[in-house]
């Protein structure tokens, strides 16, 4: 299973909170940058061979590509975890 430890760490910034629009814009920019870094890290999965991808995630390439197309605000690792859980339950039903 994939873990957040493989993703870029939180971007450090000055703790002095800036008031008003400037502060909001700074927070928004930092948040969007973190989302982009996390998604870019996630997208490295798409660069590996299909068999390795399935070994690492337990999912097929189309499933991982579907998650990669989600909006940046959606945590791709959480979406993958839900898909992995759903796939695992389906495999368990078939084998029972």
PDB file of N, CA and C in Angstrom:
ATOM      1  N   UNK A   1       0.839  -1.175   0.000  1.00  0.00           N
ATOM      2  CA  UNK A   1       0.000   0.000   0.000  1.00  0.00           C
ATOM      3  C   UNK A   1       0.887   1.242   0.000  1.00  0.00           C
ATOM      4  N   UNK A   2       0.431   2.289  -0.636  1.00  0.00           N
ATOM      5  CA  UNK A   2       1.185   3.530  -0.716  1.00  0.00           C
ATOM      6  C   UNK A   2       1.026   4.326   0.567  1.00  0.00           C
ATOM      7  N   UNK A   3       2.063   5.082   0.919  1.00  0.00           N
ATOM      8  CA  UNK A   3       2.023   5.854   2.141  1.00  0.00           C
ATOM      9  C   UNK A   3       2.388   7.301   1.860  1.00  0.00           C
ATOM     10  N   UNK A   4       1.888   8.186   2.707  1.00  0.00           N
ATOM     11  CA  UNK A   4       2.181   9.605   2.565  1.00  0.00           C
ATOM     12  C   UNK A   4       3.657   9.918   2.763  1.00  0.00           C
ATOM     13  N   UNK A   5       4.405   9.037   3.402  1.00  0.00           N
ATOM     14  CA  UNK A   5       5.812   9.318   3.660  1.00  0.00           C
ATOM     15  C   UNK A   5       6.613   9.458   2.369  1.00  0.00           C
ATOM     16  N   UNK A   6       6.097   8.909   1.276  1.00  0.00           N
ATOM     17  CA  UNK A   6       6.799   9.005   0.000  1.00  0.00           C
ATOM     18  C   UNK A   6       6.543  10.340  -0.686  1.00  0.00           C
ATOM     19  N   UNK A   7       5.621  11.125  -0.156  1.00  0.00           N
ATOM     20  CA  UNK A   7       5.266  12.401  -0.773  1.00  0.00           C
ATOM     21  C   UNK A   7       6.119  13.533  -0.224  1.00  0.00           C
ATOM     22  N   UNK A   8       6.172  14.648  -0.951  1.00  0.00           N
ATOM     23  CA  UNK A   8       6.929  15.802  -0.457  1.00  0.00           C
ATOM     24  C   UNK A   8       6.383  16.253   0.891  1.00  0.00           C
ATOM     25  N   UNK A   9       7.268  16.703   1.744  1.00  0.00           N
ATOM     26  CA  UNK A   9       6.863  17.181   3.057  1.00  0.00           C
ATOM     27  C   UNK A   9       6.186  18.542   2.931  1.00  0.00           C
ATOM     28  N   UNK A  10       5.470  18.924   3.974  1.00  0.00           N
ATOM     29  CA  UNK A  10       4.758  20.193   3.986  1.00  0.00           C
ATOM     30  C   UNK A  10       5.728  21.338   3.736  1.00  0.00           C
ATOM     31  N   UNK A  11       5.305  22.248   2.916  1.00  0.00           N
ATOM     32  CA  UNK A  11       6.115  23.416   2.594  1.00  0.00           C
ATOM     33  C   UNK A  11       6.180  24.307   3.832  1.00  0.00           C
ATOM     34  N   UNK A  12       7.383  24.637   4.255  1.00  0.00           N
ATOM     35  CA  UNK A  12       7.560  25.493   5.417  1.00  0.00           C
ATOM     36  C   UNK A  12       7.457  26.948   4.984  1.00  0.00           C
ATOM     37  N   UNK A  13       6.781  27.744   5.799  1.00  0.00           N
ATOM     38  CA  UNK A  13       6.698  29.174   5.514  1.00  0.00           C
ATOM     39  C   UNK A  13       6.727  29.937   6.826  1.00  0.00           C
ATOM     40  N   UNK A  14       6.876  31.221   6.731  1.00  0.00           N
ATOM     41  CA  UNK A  14       6.970  32.074   7.900  1.00  0.00           C
ATOM     42  C   UNK A  14       5.698  31.957   8.730  1.00  0.00           C
ATOM     43  N   UNK A  15       5.846  31.761  10.035  1.00  0.00           N
ATOM     44  CA  UNK A  15       4.698  31.615  10.911  1.00  0.00           C
ATOM     45  C   UNK A  15       3.984  32.932  11.184  1.00  0.00           C
ATOM     46  N   UNK A  16       4.583  34.041  10.822  1.00  0.00           N
ATOM     47  CA  UNK A  16       3.928  35.337  11.017  1.00  0.00           C
ATOM     48  C   UNK A  16       2.748  35.417  10.057  1.00  0.00           C
ATOM     49  N   UNK A  17       1.556  35.350  10.608  1.00  0.00           N
ATOM     50  CA  UNK A  17       0.355  35.350   9.771  1.00  0.00           C
ATOM     51  C   UNK A  17       0.123  36.735   9.196  1.00  0.00           C
ATOM     52  N   UNK A  18      -0.092  36.765   7.922  1.00  0.00           N
ATOM     53  CA  UNK A  18      -0.347  38.024   7.254  1.00  0.00           C
ATOM     54  C   UNK A  18      -1.854  38.255   7.226  1.00  0.00           C
ATOM     55  N   UNK A  19      -2.286  39.453   7.508  1.00  0.00           N
ATOM     56  CA  UNK A  19      -3.724  39.729   7.584  1.00  0.00           C
ATOM     57  C   UNK A  19      -4.365  39.885   6.207  1.00  0.00           C
ATOM     58  N   UNK A  20      -5.659  39.679   6.167  1.00  0.00           N
ATOM     59  CA  UNK A  20      -6.464  40.009   5.011  1.00  0.00           C
ATOM     60  C   UNK A  20      -6.181  39.204   3.769  1.00  0.00           C
ATOM     61  N   UNK A  21      -6.335  39.868   2.663  1.00  0.00           N
ATOM     62  CA  UNK A  21      -6.219  39.244   1.349  1.00  0.00           C
ATOM     63  C   UNK A  21      -4.827  38.679   1.103  1.00  0.00           C
ATOM     64  N   UNK A  22      -3.809  39.359   1.545  1.00  0.00           N
ATOM     65  CA  UNK A  22      -2.429  38.892   1.339  1.00  0.00           C
ATOM     66  C   UNK A  22      -2.223  37.564   2.058  1.00  0.00           C
ATOM     67  N   UNK A  23      -2.696  37.476   3.302  1.00  0.00           N
ATOM     68  CA  UNK A  23      -2.575  36.236   4.061  1.00  0.00           C
ATOM     69  C   UNK A  23      -3.357  35.102   3.422  1.00  0.00           C
ATOM     70  N   UNK A  24      -4.578  35.388   2.977  1.00  0.00           N
ATOM     71  CA  UNK A  24      -5.405  34.373   2.333  1.00  0.00           C
ATOM     72  C   UNK A  24      -4.735  33.888   1.049  1.00  0.00           C
ATOM     73  N   UNK A  25      -4.238  34.827   0.257  1.00  0.00           N
ATOM     74  CA  UNK A  25      -3.593  34.476  -1.005  1.00  0.00           C
ATOM     75  C   UNK A  25      -2.345  33.628  -0.759  1.00  0.00           C
ATOM     76  N   UNK A  26      -1.577  33.969   0.252  1.00  0.00           N
ATOM     77  CA  UNK A  26      -0.383  33.183   0.582  1.00  0.00           C
ATOM     78  C   UNK A  26      -0.784  31.759   0.989  1.00  0.00           C
ATOM     79  N   UNK A  27      -1.775  31.635   1.870  1.00  0.00           N
ATOM     80  CA  UNK A  27      -2.240  30.314   2.313  1.00  0.00           C
ATOM     81  C   UNK A  27      -2.760  29.498   1.135  1.00  0.00           C
ATOM     82  N   UNK A  28      -3.521  30.130   0.273  1.00  0.00           N
ATOM     83  CA  UNK A  28      -4.089  29.447  -0.885  1.00  0.00           C
ATOM     84  C   UNK A  28      -2.975  28.957  -1.810  1.00  0.00           C
ATOM     85  N   UNK A  29      -1.974  29.804  -2.027  1.00  0.00           N
ATOM     86  CA  UNK A  29      -0.859  29.458  -2.906  1.00  0.00           C
ATOM     87  C   UNK A  29      -0.075  28.277  -2.335  1.00  0.00           C
ATOM     88  N   UNK A  30       0.190  28.306  -1.035  1.00  0.00           N
ATOM     89  CA  UNK A  30       0.924  27.215  -0.388  1.00  0.00           C
ATOM     90  C   UNK A  30       0.123  25.924  -0.498  1.00  0.00           C
ATOM     91  N   UNK A  31      -1.178  26.000  -0.259  1.00  0.00           N
ATOM     92  CA  UNK A  31      -2.046  24.817  -0.342  1.00  0.00           C
ATOM     93  C   UNK A  31      -2.045  24.230  -1.752  1.00  0.00           C
ATOM     94  N   UNK A  32      -2.205  25.084  -2.760  1.00  0.00           N
ATOM     95  CA  UNK A  32      -2.230  24.608  -4.153  1.00  0.00           C
ATOM     96  C   UNK A  32      -0.883  24.022  -4.559  1.00  0.00           C
ATOM     97  N   UNK A  33       0.209  24.617  -4.098  1.00  0.00           N
ATOM     98  CA  UNK A  33       1.546  24.094  -4.407  1.00  0.00           C
ATOM     99  C   UNK A  33       1.724  22.703  -3.805  1.00  0.00           C
ATOM    100  N   UNK A  34       1.277  22.528  -2.558  1.00  0.00           N
ATOM    101  CA  UNK A  34       1.360  21.216  -1.905  1.00  0.00           C
ATOM    102  C   UNK A  34       0.528  20.195  -2.673  1.00  0.00           C
ATOM    103  N   UNK A  35      -0.682  20.585  -3.088  1.00  0.00           N
ATOM    104  CA  UNK A  35      -1.527  19.669  -3.845  1.00  0.00           C
ATOM    105  C   UNK A  35      -0.837  19.263  -5.149  1.00  0.00           C
ATOM    106  N   UNK A  36      -0.204  20.201  -5.824  1.00  0.00           N
ATOM    107  CA  UNK A  36       0.474  19.909  -7.092  1.00  0.00           C
ATOM    108  C   UNK A  36       1.672  18.986  -6.851  1.00  0.00           C
ATOM    109  N   UNK A  37       2.442  19.238  -5.804  1.00  0.00           N
ATOM    110  CA  UNK A  37       3.584  18.376  -5.493  1.00  0.00           C
ATOM    111  C   UNK A  37       3.130  16.953  -5.172  1.00  0.00           C
ATOM    112  N   UNK A  38       2.067  16.835  -4.399  1.00  0.00           N
ATOM    113  CA  UNK A  38       1.545  15.510  -4.054  1.00  0.00           C
ATOM    114  C   UNK A  38       1.053  14.779  -5.295  1.00  0.00           C
ATOM    115  N   UNK A  39       0.348  15.473  -6.164  1.00  0.00           N
ATOM    116  CA  UNK A  39      -0.167  14.826  -7.373  1.00  0.00           C
ATOM    117  C   UNK A  39       0.972  14.445  -8.303  1.00  0.00           C
ATOM    118  N   UNK A  40       1.986  15.305  -8.419  1.00  0.00           N
ATOM    119  CA  UNK A  40       3.144  14.967  -9.252  1.00  0.00           C
ATOM    120  C   UNK A  40       3.851  13.723  -8.723  1.00  0.00           C
ATOM    121  N   UNK A  41       3.978  13.626  -7.391  1.00  0.00           N
ATOM    122  CA  UNK A  41       4.590  12.443  -6.788  1.00  0.00           C
ATOM    123  C   UNK A  41       3.737  11.210  -7.090  1.00  0.00           C
ATOM    124  N   UNK A  42       2.437  11.346  -6.979  1.00  0.00           N
ATOM    125  CA  UNK A  42       1.529  10.242  -7.275  1.00  0.00           C
ATOM    126  C   UNK A  42       1.647   9.816  -8.737  1.00  0.00           C
ATOM    127  N   UNK A  43       1.745  10.790  -9.624  1.00  0.00           N
ATOM    128  CA  UNK A  43       1.802  10.498 -11.061  1.00  0.00           C
ATOM    129  C   UNK A  43       3.059   9.733 -11.470  1.00  0.00           C
ATOM    130  N   UNK A  44       4.066   9.675 -10.613  1.00  0.00           N
ATOM    131  CA  UNK A  44       5.241   8.868 -10.944  1.00  0.00           C
ATOM    132  C   UNK A  44       4.867   7.392 -11.066  1.00  0.00           C
ATOM    133  N   UNK A  45       3.770   6.988 -10.416  1.00  0.00           N
ATOM    134  CA  UNK A  45       3.292   5.602 -10.561  1.00  0.00           C
ATOM    135  C   UNK A  45       2.984   5.267 -12.015  1.00  0.00           C
ATOM    136  N   UNK A  46       2.536   6.260 -12.759  1.00  0.00           N
ATOM    137  CA  UNK A  46       2.131   6.016 -14.146  1.00  0.00           C
ATOM    138  C   UNK A  46       3.327   5.795 -15.075  1.00  0.00           C
ATOM    139  N   UNK A  47       4.532   5.992 -14.563  1.00  0.00           N
ATOM    140  CA  UNK A  47       5.730   5.811 -15.386  1.00  0.00           C
ATOM    141  C   UNK A  47       6.293   4.400 -15.318  1.00  0.00           C
ATOM    142  N   UNK A  48       5.703   3.551 -14.471  1.00  0.00           N
ATOM    143  CA  UNK A  48       6.226   2.200 -14.335  1.00  0.00           C
ATOM    144  C   UNK A  48       5.438   1.227 -15.207  1.00  0.00           C
ATOM    145  N   UNK A  49       6.032   0.076 -15.429  1.00  0.00           N
ATOM    146  CA  UNK A  49       5.435  -0.997 -16.207  1.00  0.00           C
ATOM    147  C   UNK A  49       4.096  -1.425 -15.579  1.00  0.00           C
ATOM    148  N   UNK A  50       3.164  -1.884 -16.413  1.00  0.00           N
ATOM    149  CA  UNK A  50       1.842  -2.298 -15.937  1.00  0.00           C
ATOM    150  C   UNK A  50       1.906  -3.369 -14.853  1.00  0.00           C
ATOM    151  N   UNK A  51       2.799  -4.330 -15.011  1.00  0.00           N
ATOM    152  CA  UNK A  51       2.902  -5.411 -14.028  1.00  0.00           C
ATOM    153  C   UNK A  51       3.425  -4.889 -12.689  1.00  0.00           C
ATOM    154  N   UNK A  52       4.407  -4.021 -12.749  1.00  0.00           N
ATOM    155  CA  UNK A  52       4.942  -3.439 -11.517  1.00  0.00           C
ATOM    156  C   UNK A  52       3.886  -2.567 -10.854  1.00  0.00           C
ATOM    157  N   UNK A  53       3.171  -1.796 -11.660  1.00  0.00           N
ATOM    158  CA  UNK A  53       2.105  -0.946 -11.135  1.00  0.00           C
ATOM    159  C   UNK A  53       1.070  -1.779 -10.386  1.00  0.00           C
ATOM    160  N   UNK A  54       0.686  -2.902 -10.969  1.00  0.00           N
ATOM    161  CA  UNK A  54      -0.298  -3.761 -10.323  1.00  0.00           C
ATOM    162  C   UNK A  54       0.278  -4.418  -9.060  1.00  0.00           C
ATOM    163  N   UNK A  55       1.571  -4.782  -9.095  1.00  0.00           N
ATOM    164  CA  UNK A  55       2.205  -5.348  -7.901  1.00  0.00           C
ATOM    165  C   UNK A  55       2.248  -4.335  -6.756  1.00  0.00           C
ATOM    166  N   UNK A  56       2.555  -3.087  -7.080  1.00  0.00           N
ATOM    167  CA  UNK A  56       2.689  -2.045  -6.063  1.00  0.00           C
ATOM    168  C   UNK A  56       1.335  -1.624  -5.503  1.00  0.00           C
ATOM    169  N   UNK A  57       0.360  -1.443  -6.378  1.00  0.00           N
ATOM    170  CA  UNK A  57      -0.926  -0.890  -5.943  1.00  0.00           C
ATOM    171  C   UNK A  57      -2.030  -1.921  -5.815  1.00  0.00           C
ATOM    172  N   UNK A  58      -1.910  -3.036  -6.538  1.00  0.00           N
ATOM    173  CA  UNK A  58      -3.006  -3.999  -6.574  1.00  0.00           C
ATOM    174  C   UNK A  58      -4.114  -3.568  -7.513  1.00  0.00           C
ATOM    175  N   UNK A  59      -3.837  -2.540  -8.321  1.00  0.00           N
ATOM    176  CA  UNK A  59      -4.838  -1.988  -9.237  1.00  0.00           C
ATOM    177  C   UNK A  59      -4.302  -1.990 -10.660  1.00  0.00           C
ATOM    178  N   UNK A  60      -5.198  -1.898 -11.606  1.00  0.00           N
ATOM    179  CA  UNK A  60      -4.802  -1.845 -13.011  1.00  0.00           C
ATOM    180  C   UNK A  60      -4.465  -0.416 -13.410  1.00  0.00           C
ATOM    181  N   UNK A  61      -3.763  -0.266 -14.522  1.00  0.00           N
ATOM    182  CA  UNK A  61      -3.396   1.066 -15.005  1.00  0.00           C
ATOM    183  C   UNK A  61      -4.626   1.962 -15.209  1.00  0.00           C
ATOM    184  N   UNK A  62      -5.712   1.464 -15.840  1.00  0.00           N
ATOM    185  CA  UNK A  62      -6.879   2.350 -16.008  1.00  0.00           C
ATOM    186  C   UNK A  62      -7.440   2.863 -14.674  1.00  0.00           C
ATOM    187  N   UNK A  63      -7.384   2.040 -13.634  1.00  0.00           N
ATOM    188  CA  UNK A  63      -7.860   2.485 -12.331  1.00  0.00           C
ATOM    189  C   UNK A  63      -6.978   3.595 -11.772  1.00  0.00           C
ATOM    190  N   UNK A  64      -5.668   3.440 -11.896  1.00  0.00           N
ATOM    191  CA  UNK A  64      -4.738   4.452 -11.395  1.00  0.00           C
ATOM    192  C   UNK A  64      -4.851   5.724 -12.234  1.00  0.00           C
ATOM    193  N   UNK A  65      -5.018   5.582 -13.541  1.00  0.00           N
ATOM    194  CA  UNK A  65      -5.194   6.755 -14.401  1.00  0.00           C
ATOM    195  C   UNK A  65      -6.458   7.519 -14.046  1.00  0.00           C
ATOM    196  N   UNK A  66      -7.509   6.792 -13.686  1.00  0.00           N
ATOM    197  CA  UNK A  66      -8.761   7.436 -13.280  1.00  0.00           C
ATOM    198  C   UNK A  66      -8.529   8.312 -12.046  1.00  0.00           C
ATOM    199  N   UNK A  67      -7.788   7.804 -11.090  1.00  0.00           N
ATOM    200  CA  UNK A  67      -7.475   8.584  -9.884  1.00  0.00           C
ATOM    201  C   UNK A  67      -6.606   9.787 -10.245  1.00  0.00           C
ATOM    202  N   UNK A  68      -5.674   9.613 -11.150  1.00  0.00           N
ATOM    203  CA  UNK A  68      -4.780  10.710 -11.537  1.00  0.00           C
ATOM    204  C   UNK A  68      -5.545  11.857 -12.195  1.00  0.00           C
ATOM    205  N   UNK A  69      -6.708  11.570 -12.750  1.00  0.00           N
ATOM    206  CA  UNK A  69      -7.512  12.615 -13.394  1.00  0.00           C
ATOM    207  C   UNK A  69      -8.433  13.349 -12.420  1.00  0.00           C
ATOM    208  N   UNK A  70      -8.463  12.934 -11.166  1.00  0.00           N
ATOM    209  CA  UNK A  70      -9.300  13.613 -10.177  1.00  0.00           C
ATOM    210  C   UNK A  70      -8.774  15.029  -9.942  1.00  0.00           C
ATOM    211  N   UNK A  71      -9.637  15.932  -9.480  1.00  0.00           N
ATOM    212  CA  UNK A  71      -9.170  17.297  -9.179  1.00  0.00           C
ATOM    213  C   UNK A  71      -8.057  17.274  -8.139  1.00  0.00           C
ATOM    214  N   UNK A  72      -7.201  18.289  -8.166  1.00  0.00           N
ATOM    215  CA  UNK A  72      -6.072  18.349  -7.244  1.00  0.00           C
ATOM    216  C   UNK A  72      -6.525  18.393  -5.787  1.00  0.00           C
ATOM    217  N   UNK A  73      -7.697  18.925  -5.520  1.00  0.00           N
ATOM    218  CA  UNK A  73      -8.191  19.022  -4.149  1.00  0.00           C
ATOM    219  C   UNK A  73      -8.484  17.648  -3.548  1.00  0.00           C
ATOM    220  N   UNK A  74      -8.619  16.621  -4.401  1.00  0.00           N
ATOM    221  CA  UNK A  74      -8.885  15.261  -3.929  1.00  0.00           C
ATOM    222  C   UNK A  74      -7.550  14.586  -3.633  1.00  0.00           C
ATOM    223  N   UNK A  75      -7.415  14.005  -2.459  1.00  0.00           N
ATOM    224  CA  UNK A  75      -6.197  13.291  -2.077  1.00  0.00           C
ATOM    225  C   UNK A  75      -6.137  11.976  -2.861  1.00  0.00           C
ATOM    226  N   UNK A  76      -5.200  11.888  -3.786  1.00  0.00           N
ATOM    227  CA  UNK A  76      -5.096  10.714  -4.656  1.00  0.00           C
ATOM    228  C   UNK A  76      -4.788   9.445  -3.868  1.00  0.00           C
ATOM    229  N   UNK A  77      -3.988   9.555  -2.802  1.00  0.00           N
ATOM    230  CA  UNK A  77      -3.665   8.368  -2.011  1.00  0.00           C
ATOM    231  C   UNK A  77      -4.889   7.826  -1.286  1.00  0.00           C
ATOM    232  N   UNK A  78      -5.752   8.705  -0.806  1.00  0.00           N
ATOM    233  CA  UNK A  78      -6.988   8.248  -0.174  1.00  0.00           C
ATOM    234  C   UNK A  78      -7.900   7.598  -1.205  1.00  0.00           C
ATOM    235  N   UNK A  79      -7.962   8.168  -2.405  1.00  0.00           N
ATOM    236  CA  UNK A  79      -8.779   7.585  -3.468  1.00  0.00           C
ATOM    237  C   UNK A  79      -8.252   6.206  -3.858  1.00  0.00           C
ATOM    238  N   UNK A  80      -6.940   6.063  -3.945  1.00  0.00           N
ATOM    239  CA  UNK A  80      -6.331   4.766  -4.259  1.00  0.00           C
ATOM    240  C   UNK A  80      -6.641   3.763  -3.149  1.00  0.00           C
ATOM    241  N   UNK A  81      -6.554   4.200  -1.900  1.00  0.00           N
ATOM    242  CA  UNK A  81      -6.843   3.307  -0.773  1.00  0.00           C
ATOM    243  C   UNK A  81      -8.283   2.799  -0.843  1.00  0.00           C
ATOM    244  N   UNK A  82      -9.222   3.661  -1.206  1.00  0.00           N
ATOM    245  CA  UNK A  82     -10.618   3.230  -1.342  1.00  0.00           C
ATOM    246  C   UNK A  82     -10.762   2.217  -2.471  1.00  0.00           C
ATOM    247  N   UNK A  83     -10.093   2.474  -3.600  1.00  0.00           N
ATOM    248  CA  UNK A  83     -10.142   1.522  -4.720  1.00  0.00           C
ATOM    249  C   UNK A  83      -9.513   0.189  -4.334  1.00  0.00           C
ATOM    250  N   UNK A  84      -8.393   0.229  -3.620  1.00  0.00           N
ATOM    251  CA  UNK A  84      -7.738  -1.000  -3.189  1.00  0.00           C
ATOM    252  C   UNK A  84      -8.650  -1.802  -2.273  1.00  0.00           C
ATOM    253  N   UNK A  85      -9.318  -1.115  -1.380  1.00  0.00           N
ATOM    254  CA  UNK A  85     -10.238  -1.797  -0.462  1.00  0.00           C
ATOM    255  C   UNK A  85     -11.405  -2.429  -1.232  1.00  0.00           C
ATOM    256  N   UNK A  86     -11.954  -1.689  -2.170  1.00  0.00           N
ATOM    257  CA  UNK A  86     -13.065  -2.200  -2.980  1.00  0.00           C
ATOM    258  C   UNK A  86     -12.623  -3.400  -3.815  1.00  0.00           C
ATOM    259  N   UNK A  87     -11.442  -3.318  -4.424  1.00  0.00           N
ATOM    260  CA  UNK A  87     -10.922  -4.429  -5.221  1.00  0.00           C
ATOM    261  C   UNK A  87     -10.669  -5.654  -4.361  1.00  0.00           C
ATOM    262  N   UNK A  88     -10.150  -5.426  -3.166  1.00  0.00           N
ATOM    263  CA  UNK A  88      -9.882  -6.530  -2.249  1.00  0.00           C
ATOM    264  C   UNK A  88     -11.184  -7.228  -1.848  1.00  0.00           C
ATOM    265  N   UNK A  89     -12.205  -6.460  -1.556  1.00  0.00           N
ATOM    266  CA  UNK A  89     -13.501  -7.068  -1.191  1.00  0.00           C
ATOM    267  C   UNK A  89     -14.064  -7.866  -2.349  1.00  0.00           C
ATOM    268  N   UNK A  90     -13.926  -7.349  -3.580  1.00  0.00           N
ATOM    269  CA  UNK A  90     -14.444  -8.085  -4.747  1.00  0.00           C
ATOM    270  C   UNK A  90     -13.678  -9.376  -4.951  1.00  0.00           C
ATOM    271  N   UNK A  91     -12.346  -9.363  -4.771  1.00  0.00           N
ATOM    272  CA  UNK A  91     -11.550 -10.580  -4.904  1.00  0.00           C
ATOM    273  C   UNK A  91     -11.947 -11.594  -3.844  1.00  0.00           C
ATOM    274  N   UNK A  92     -12.185 -11.124  -2.636  1.00  0.00           N
ATOM    275  CA  UNK A  92     -12.577 -12.017  -1.537  1.00  0.00           C
ATOM    276  C   UNK A  92     -13.940 -12.642  -1.807  1.00  0.00           C
ATOM    277  N   UNK A  93     -14.852 -11.907  -2.381  1.00  0.00           N
ATOM    278  CA  UNK A  93     -16.181 -12.457  -2.718  1.00  0.00           C
ATOM    279  C   UNK A  93     -16.065 -13.540  -3.778  1.00  0.00           C
ATOM    280  N   UNK A  94     -15.203 -13.298  -4.777  1.00  0.00           N
ATOM    281  CA  UNK A  94     -15.044 -14.271  -5.860  1.00  0.00           C
ATOM    282  C   UNK A  94     -14.399 -15.558  -5.364  1.00  0.00           C
ATOM    283  N   UNK A  95     -13.478 -15.448  -4.414  1.00  0.00           N
ATOM    284  CA  UNK A  95     -12.765 -16.632  -3.939  1.00  0.00           C
ATOM    285  C   UNK A  95     -13.566 -17.411  -2.902  1.00  0.00           C
ATOM    286  N   UNK A  96     -14.591 -16.798  -2.336  1.00  0.00           N
ATOM    287  CA  UNK A  96     -15.400 -17.485  -1.300  1.00  0.00           C
ATOM    288  C   UNK A  96     -16.429 -18.413  -1.904  1.00  0.00           C
TER     289      UNK A  96
END
